[in-house]
Amino acid sequence: MLTNLVKKTIKEHSLKLAPKESCGLILQKDNDFIAFPCRNMSQKNSNFILHPFDYVTGSTLGEIKAVYHSHSNNDIFSDLDIKQTNLHNIPFIMYYIPKDKFKVTTPFKLGENDCYTPIQ
């Protein structure tokens, strides 16, 4: 999903908007993955709200596989990021600008990524 082209698009979008968070969708059409930049409607630099029109437009171009956003101040997913990935049941991808690093958080799935399953 994080192909070189997807990473490049996310980096360019993030650097253009920094220090405000960038946000967008990662779409799959056939066997290709596409980063689809969206407008951030949040008034805060350290938060993002995907523009509804951009979300709908992206969903018509391919299957939504993940949501991406950038961080300028830390490389830790916020509690809200984790809640949203679980609510929407799709991965959230963060691009941490200062270290040029990508991180992924996936939805919680009992029997897959809970703390009890490895012990069994």
N, C-alpha and C. Protein backbone atom coordinates (compact mmCIF):
# COMPACT_ATOMS: atom_id res chain seq x y z
N MET A 1 0.82 -1.19 0.00
CA MET A 1 0.00 0.00 0.00
C MET A 1 0.87 1.26 0.00
N LEU A 2 1.97 1.23 0.76
CA LEU A 2 2.87 2.39 0.80
C LEU A 2 3.94 2.26 -0.28
N THR A 3 3.51 2.38 -1.50
CA THR A 3 4.44 2.32 -2.63
C THR A 3 5.29 3.59 -2.65
N ASN A 4 6.35 3.58 -3.43
CA ASN A 4 7.20 4.77 -3.53
C ASN A 4 6.41 5.98 -4.02
N LEU A 5 5.51 5.78 -4.98
CA LEU A 5 4.71 6.90 -5.50
C LEU A 5 3.75 7.43 -4.43
N VAL A 6 3.14 6.54 -3.67
CA VAL A 6 2.23 6.96 -2.58
C VAL A 6 3.03 7.76 -1.55
N LYS A 7 4.19 7.25 -1.14
CA LYS A 7 5.02 7.96 -0.17
C LYS A 7 5.42 9.34 -0.68
N LYS A 8 5.81 9.39 -1.94
CA LYS A 8 6.24 10.67 -2.54
C LYS A 8 5.10 11.69 -2.51
N THR A 9 3.90 11.26 -2.87
CA THR A 9 2.75 12.16 -2.88
C THR A 9 2.43 12.65 -1.47
N ILE A 10 2.46 11.75 -0.50
CA ILE A 10 2.18 12.13 0.89
C ILE A 10 3.24 13.11 1.40
N LYS A 11 4.51 12.83 1.12
CA LYS A 11 5.58 13.73 1.56
C LYS A 11 5.42 15.12 0.97
N GLU A 12 5.17 15.20 -0.33
CA GLU A 12 5.01 16.50 -1.00
C GLU A 12 3.83 17.27 -0.41
N HIS A 13 2.72 16.59 -0.21
CA HIS A 13 1.52 17.22 0.36
C HIS A 13 1.82 17.71 1.78
N SER A 14 2.49 16.89 2.57
CA SER A 14 2.80 17.22 3.96
C SER A 14 3.74 18.41 4.06
N LEU A 15 4.79 18.41 3.26
CA LEU A 15 5.76 19.51 3.31
C LEU A 15 5.14 20.82 2.85
N LYS A 16 4.24 20.74 1.91
CA LYS A 16 3.57 21.94 1.39
C LYS A 16 2.71 22.60 2.48
N LEU A 17 2.08 21.81 3.34
CA LEU A 17 1.15 22.35 4.34
C LEU A 17 1.77 22.57 5.72
N ALA A 18 2.95 22.01 5.97
CA ALA A 18 3.56 22.10 7.31
C ALA A 18 3.67 23.56 7.76
N PRO A 19 3.41 23.83 9.03
CA PRO A 19 3.26 22.91 10.14
C PRO A 19 1.83 22.37 10.30
N LYS A 20 0.89 22.84 9.48
CA LYS A 20 -0.47 22.31 9.55
C LYS A 20 -0.44 20.85 9.07
N GLU A 21 -1.26 20.00 9.69
CA GLU A 21 -1.31 18.61 9.27
C GLU A 21 -1.92 18.49 7.88
N SER A 22 -1.31 17.64 7.08
CA SER A 22 -1.92 17.26 5.81
C SER A 22 -2.84 16.08 6.10
N CYS A 23 -3.73 15.79 5.18
CA CYS A 23 -4.57 14.59 5.33
C CYS A 23 -5.04 14.16 3.95
N GLY A 24 -5.36 12.89 3.85
CA GLY A 24 -5.82 12.36 2.58
C GLY A 24 -6.16 10.89 2.69
N LEU A 25 -6.42 10.31 1.56
CA LEU A 25 -6.84 8.92 1.48
C LEU A 25 -5.83 8.12 0.65
N ILE A 26 -5.71 6.87 0.96
CA ILE A 26 -4.98 5.95 0.09
C ILE A 26 -6.04 5.06 -0.54
N LEU A 27 -6.08 5.11 -1.85
CA LEU A 27 -7.11 4.40 -2.61
C LEU A 27 -6.47 3.25 -3.38
N GLN A 28 -7.29 2.23 -3.64
CA GLN A 28 -6.86 1.14 -4.51
C GLN A 28 -7.81 1.07 -5.69
N LYS A 29 -7.22 1.13 -6.86
CA LYS A 29 -7.99 0.95 -8.09
C LYS A 29 -7.27 -0.14 -8.88
N ASP A 30 -7.98 -1.24 -9.10
CA ASP A 30 -7.37 -2.44 -9.68
C ASP A 30 -6.21 -2.86 -8.78
N ASN A 31 -5.00 -2.94 -9.30
CA ASN A 31 -3.86 -3.33 -8.48
C ASN A 31 -2.98 -2.15 -8.08
N ASP A 32 -3.42 -0.95 -8.37
CA ASP A 32 -2.63 0.24 -8.08
C ASP A 32 -3.12 0.96 -6.84
N PHE A 33 -2.17 1.51 -6.09
CA PHE A 33 -2.48 2.33 -4.92
C PHE A 33 -2.20 3.78 -5.26
N ILE A 34 -3.08 4.66 -4.81
CA ILE A 34 -2.99 6.09 -5.11
C ILE A 34 -3.16 6.87 -3.81
N ALA A 35 -2.30 7.86 -3.59
CA ALA A 35 -2.51 8.79 -2.48
C ALA A 35 -3.36 9.94 -3.02
N PHE A 36 -4.48 10.19 -2.37
CA PHE A 36 -5.42 11.22 -2.80
C PHE A 36 -5.43 12.32 -1.74
N PRO A 37 -4.70 13.43 -1.97
CA PRO A 37 -4.68 14.52 -0.99
C PRO A 37 -6.07 15.14 -0.80
N CYS A 38 -6.39 15.45 0.45
CA CYS A 38 -7.65 16.09 0.79
C CYS A 38 -7.37 17.40 1.52
N ARG A 39 -8.38 18.24 1.57
CA ARG A 39 -8.27 19.49 2.33
C ARG A 39 -8.49 19.19 3.81
N ASN A 40 -7.71 19.86 4.63
CA ASN A 40 -7.85 19.75 6.07
C ASN A 40 -8.71 20.93 6.55
N MET A 41 -9.89 20.62 7.08
CA MET A 41 -10.81 21.67 7.52
C MET A 41 -10.55 22.13 8.95
N SER A 42 -9.64 21.51 9.67
CA SER A 42 -9.36 21.89 11.05
C SER A 42 -8.70 23.27 11.10
N GLN A 43 -9.06 24.02 12.11
CA GLN A 43 -8.44 25.33 12.34
C GLN A 43 -7.15 25.21 13.14
N LYS A 44 -6.88 24.02 13.68
CA LYS A 44 -5.68 23.78 14.48
C LYS A 44 -4.59 23.16 13.61
N ASN A 45 -3.34 23.50 13.89
CA ASN A 45 -2.22 22.91 13.16
C ASN A 45 -2.01 21.45 13.51
N SER A 46 -2.39 21.05 14.72
CA SER A 46 -2.10 19.70 15.19
C SER A 46 -3.33 18.80 15.19
N ASN A 47 -4.16 18.97 14.20
CA ASN A 47 -5.37 18.17 14.08
C ASN A 47 -5.78 18.14 12.61
N PHE A 48 -6.59 17.17 12.23
CA PHE A 48 -7.09 17.19 10.85
C PHE A 48 -8.55 16.76 10.82
N ILE A 49 -9.25 17.36 9.87
CA ILE A 49 -10.64 16.99 9.57
C ILE A 49 -10.72 16.91 8.05
N LEU A 50 -10.91 15.71 7.53
CA LEU A 50 -11.03 15.53 6.08
C LEU A 50 -12.24 16.29 5.56
N HIS A 51 -12.05 17.01 4.48
CA HIS A 51 -13.17 17.71 3.84
C HIS A 51 -14.14 16.66 3.28
N PRO A 52 -15.43 16.74 3.64
CA PRO A 52 -16.39 15.72 3.18
C PRO A 52 -16.46 15.56 1.67
N PHE A 53 -16.38 16.66 0.94
CA PHE A 53 -16.44 16.58 -0.53
C PHE A 53 -15.24 15.80 -1.06
N ASP A 54 -14.06 16.05 -0.49
CA ASP A 54 -12.86 15.34 -0.92
C ASP A 54 -12.97 13.85 -0.61
N TYR A 55 -13.54 13.53 0.56
CA TYR A 55 -13.73 12.12 0.94
C TYR A 55 -14.64 11.41 -0.07
N VAL A 56 -15.75 12.04 -0.41
CA VAL A 56 -16.69 11.44 -1.36
C VAL A 56 -16.05 11.33 -2.75
N THR A 57 -15.36 12.38 -3.17
CA THR A 57 -14.68 12.34 -4.47
C THR A 57 -13.67 11.20 -4.52
N GLY A 58 -12.87 11.07 -3.48
CA GLY A 58 -11.88 9.99 -3.43
C GLY A 58 -12.53 8.63 -3.49
N SER A 59 -13.67 8.49 -2.79
CA SER A 59 -14.34 7.18 -2.76
C SER A 59 -14.89 6.78 -4.13
N THR A 60 -15.07 7.73 -5.02
CA THR A 60 -15.54 7.41 -6.37
C THR A 60 -14.38 7.01 -7.29
N LEU A 61 -13.15 7.29 -6.86
CA LEU A 61 -11.98 7.01 -7.69
C LEU A 61 -11.34 5.66 -7.39
N GLY A 62 -11.68 5.07 -6.26
CA GLY A 62 -11.12 3.78 -5.88
C GLY A 62 -11.60 3.40 -4.49
N GLU A 63 -11.22 2.21 -4.07
CA GLU A 63 -11.60 1.73 -2.74
C GLU A 63 -10.69 2.35 -1.69
N ILE A 64 -11.27 2.93 -0.66
CA ILE A 64 -10.49 3.55 0.40
C ILE A 64 -9.83 2.46 1.24
N LYS A 65 -8.51 2.48 1.26
CA LYS A 65 -7.74 1.47 2.00
C LYS A 65 -7.14 2.02 3.28
N ALA A 66 -6.94 3.34 3.36
CA ALA A 66 -6.34 3.95 4.55
C ALA A 66 -6.56 5.45 4.52
N VAL A 67 -6.39 6.06 5.68
CA VAL A 67 -6.38 7.52 5.81
C VAL A 67 -4.95 7.89 6.20
N TYR A 68 -4.42 8.95 5.59
CA TYR A 68 -3.09 9.41 5.98
C TYR A 68 -3.15 10.83 6.51
N HIS A 69 -2.18 11.15 7.34
CA HIS A 69 -2.00 12.52 7.82
C HIS A 69 -0.55 12.70 8.24
N SER A 70 -0.17 13.95 8.47
CA SER A 70 1.21 14.23 8.86
C SER A 70 1.26 14.77 10.28
N HIS A 71 2.44 14.63 10.88
CA HIS A 71 2.74 15.24 12.17
C HIS A 71 4.05 16.01 12.03
N SER A 72 4.08 17.18 12.63
CA SER A 72 5.32 17.97 12.66
C SER A 72 5.97 17.98 14.03
N ASN A 73 5.18 17.63 15.07
CA ASN A 73 5.69 17.80 16.43
C ASN A 73 6.01 16.50 17.17
N ASN A 74 5.46 15.38 16.77
CA ASN A 74 5.79 14.10 17.42
C ASN A 74 5.41 12.95 16.50
N ASP A 75 5.95 11.77 16.82
CA ASP A 75 5.67 10.60 15.98
C ASP A 75 4.77 9.59 16.69
N ILE A 76 3.89 10.10 17.54
CA ILE A 76 2.98 9.24 18.29
C ILE A 76 1.54 9.48 17.81
N PHE A 77 0.84 8.39 17.52
CA PHE A 77 -0.57 8.53 17.15
C PHE A 77 -1.34 9.06 18.36
N SER A 78 -2.22 10.01 18.12
CA SER A 78 -3.04 10.56 19.19
C SER A 78 -4.13 9.55 19.56
N ASP A 79 -4.72 9.76 20.73
CA ASP A 79 -5.86 8.92 21.13
C ASP A 79 -6.96 9.01 20.10
N LEU A 80 -7.18 10.21 19.55
CA LEU A 80 -8.22 10.39 18.54
C LEU A 80 -7.88 9.62 17.27
N ASP A 81 -6.62 9.61 16.85
CA ASP A 81 -6.21 8.81 15.68
C ASP A 81 -6.57 7.34 15.89
N ILE A 82 -6.26 6.82 17.06
CA ILE A 82 -6.52 5.40 17.34
C ILE A 82 -8.02 5.12 17.40
N LYS A 83 -8.77 6.03 18.01
CA LYS A 83 -10.23 5.87 18.05
C LYS A 83 -10.81 5.87 16.65
N GLN A 84 -10.32 6.76 15.80
CA GLN A 84 -10.85 6.86 14.44
C GLN A 84 -10.50 5.63 13.59
N THR A 85 -9.29 5.11 13.74
CA THR A 85 -8.94 3.91 12.96
C THR A 85 -9.82 2.74 13.36
N ASN A 86 -10.15 2.64 14.65
CA ASN A 86 -11.05 1.58 15.10
C ASN A 86 -12.48 1.83 14.67
N LEU A 87 -12.93 3.08 14.74
CA LEU A 87 -14.30 3.43 14.35
C LEU A 87 -14.54 3.15 12.87
N HIS A 88 -13.58 3.54 12.04
CA HIS A 88 -13.75 3.38 10.58
C HIS A 88 -13.22 2.05 10.06
N ASN A 89 -12.53 1.31 10.93
CA ASN A 89 -12.02 -0.02 10.60
C ASN A 89 -11.07 -0.03 9.41
N ILE A 90 -10.23 1.01 9.34
CA ILE A 90 -9.18 1.05 8.32
C ILE A 90 -7.90 1.60 8.95
N PRO A 91 -6.75 1.27 8.39
CA PRO A 91 -5.50 1.78 8.93
C PRO A 91 -5.39 3.30 8.80
N PHE A 92 -4.69 3.89 9.75
CA PHE A 92 -4.30 5.29 9.68
C PHE A 92 -2.78 5.31 9.52
N ILE A 93 -2.33 6.12 8.60
CA ILE A 93 -0.90 6.24 8.32
C ILE A 93 -0.47 7.64 8.69
N MET A 94 0.64 7.73 9.40
CA MET A 94 1.19 9.03 9.77
C MET A 94 2.55 9.21 9.10
N TYR A 95 2.75 10.40 8.56
CA TYR A 95 4.06 10.77 8.06
C TYR A 95 4.64 11.78 9.03
N TYR A 96 5.73 11.40 9.70
CA TYR A 96 6.38 12.28 10.66
C TYR A 96 7.47 13.05 9.92
N ILE A 97 7.21 14.32 9.68
CA ILE A 97 8.05 15.16 8.83
C ILE A 97 9.50 15.27 9.31
N PRO A 98 9.77 15.61 10.60
CA PRO A 98 11.17 15.82 11.00
C PRO A 98 12.09 14.62 10.79
N LYS A 99 11.58 13.42 10.87
CA LYS A 99 12.43 12.23 10.70
C LYS A 99 12.18 11.51 9.39
N ASP A 100 11.32 12.08 8.52
CA ASP A 100 11.00 11.47 7.23
C ASP A 100 10.62 10.00 7.42
N LYS A 101 9.65 9.77 8.33
CA LYS A 101 9.30 8.41 8.74
C LYS A 101 7.79 8.20 8.64
N PHE A 102 7.40 7.01 8.20
CA PHE A 102 5.99 6.62 8.14
C PHE A 102 5.69 5.63 9.26
N LYS A 103 4.50 5.77 9.86
CA LYS A 103 4.02 4.83 10.87
C LYS A 103 2.59 4.46 10.51
N VAL A 104 2.20 3.24 10.87
CA VAL A 104 0.85 2.74 10.55
C VAL A 104 0.21 2.23 11.84
N THR A 105 -1.05 2.59 12.05
CA THR A 105 -1.83 1.97 13.11
C THR A 105 -3.02 1.28 12.46
N THR A 106 -3.30 0.08 12.91
CA THR A 106 -4.39 -0.71 12.31
C THR A 106 -5.51 -0.88 13.32
N PRO A 107 -6.71 -1.13 12.84
CA PRO A 107 -7.84 -1.33 13.76
C PRO A 107 -7.62 -2.52 14.68
N PHE A 108 -8.12 -2.39 15.89
CA PHE A 108 -8.04 -3.47 16.86
C PHE A 108 -8.91 -4.64 16.40
N LYS A 109 -8.32 -5.83 16.40
CA LYS A 109 -9.07 -7.04 16.04
C LYS A 109 -8.76 -8.12 17.04
N LEU A 110 -9.77 -8.51 17.78
CA LEU A 110 -9.61 -9.56 18.78
C LEU A 110 -9.15 -10.84 18.08
N GLY A 111 -8.11 -11.44 18.60
CA GLY A 111 -7.56 -12.65 18.00
C GLY A 111 -6.46 -12.37 17.00
N GLU A 112 -6.20 -11.10 16.71
CA GLU A 112 -5.14 -10.74 15.77
C GLU A 112 -4.10 -9.83 16.39
N ASN A 113 -4.52 -8.68 16.91
CA ASN A 113 -3.56 -7.74 17.45
C ASN A 113 -3.86 -7.32 18.88
N ASP A 114 -4.49 -8.23 19.62
CA ASP A 114 -4.70 -7.98 21.04
C ASP A 114 -3.52 -8.53 21.83
N CYS A 115 -3.42 -8.19 23.11
CA CYS A 115 -2.28 -8.65 23.88
C CYS A 115 -2.40 -10.08 24.39
N TYR A 116 -3.57 -10.65 24.37
CA TYR A 116 -3.77 -12.01 24.87
C TYR A 116 -3.41 -13.08 23.85
N THR A 117 -3.65 -12.82 22.57
CA THR A 117 -3.44 -13.82 21.53
C THR A 117 -2.00 -14.35 21.47
N PRO A 118 -0.96 -13.50 21.56
CA PRO A 118 0.40 -14.06 21.51
C PRO A 118 0.69 -14.99 22.68
N ILE A 119 0.05 -14.76 23.83
CA ILE A 119 0.29 -15.59 25.01
C ILE A 119 -0.28 -17.00 24.80
N GLN A 120 -1.39 -17.09 24.09
CA GLN A 120 -2.01 -18.39 23.84
C GLN A 120 -1.05 -19.22 23.04
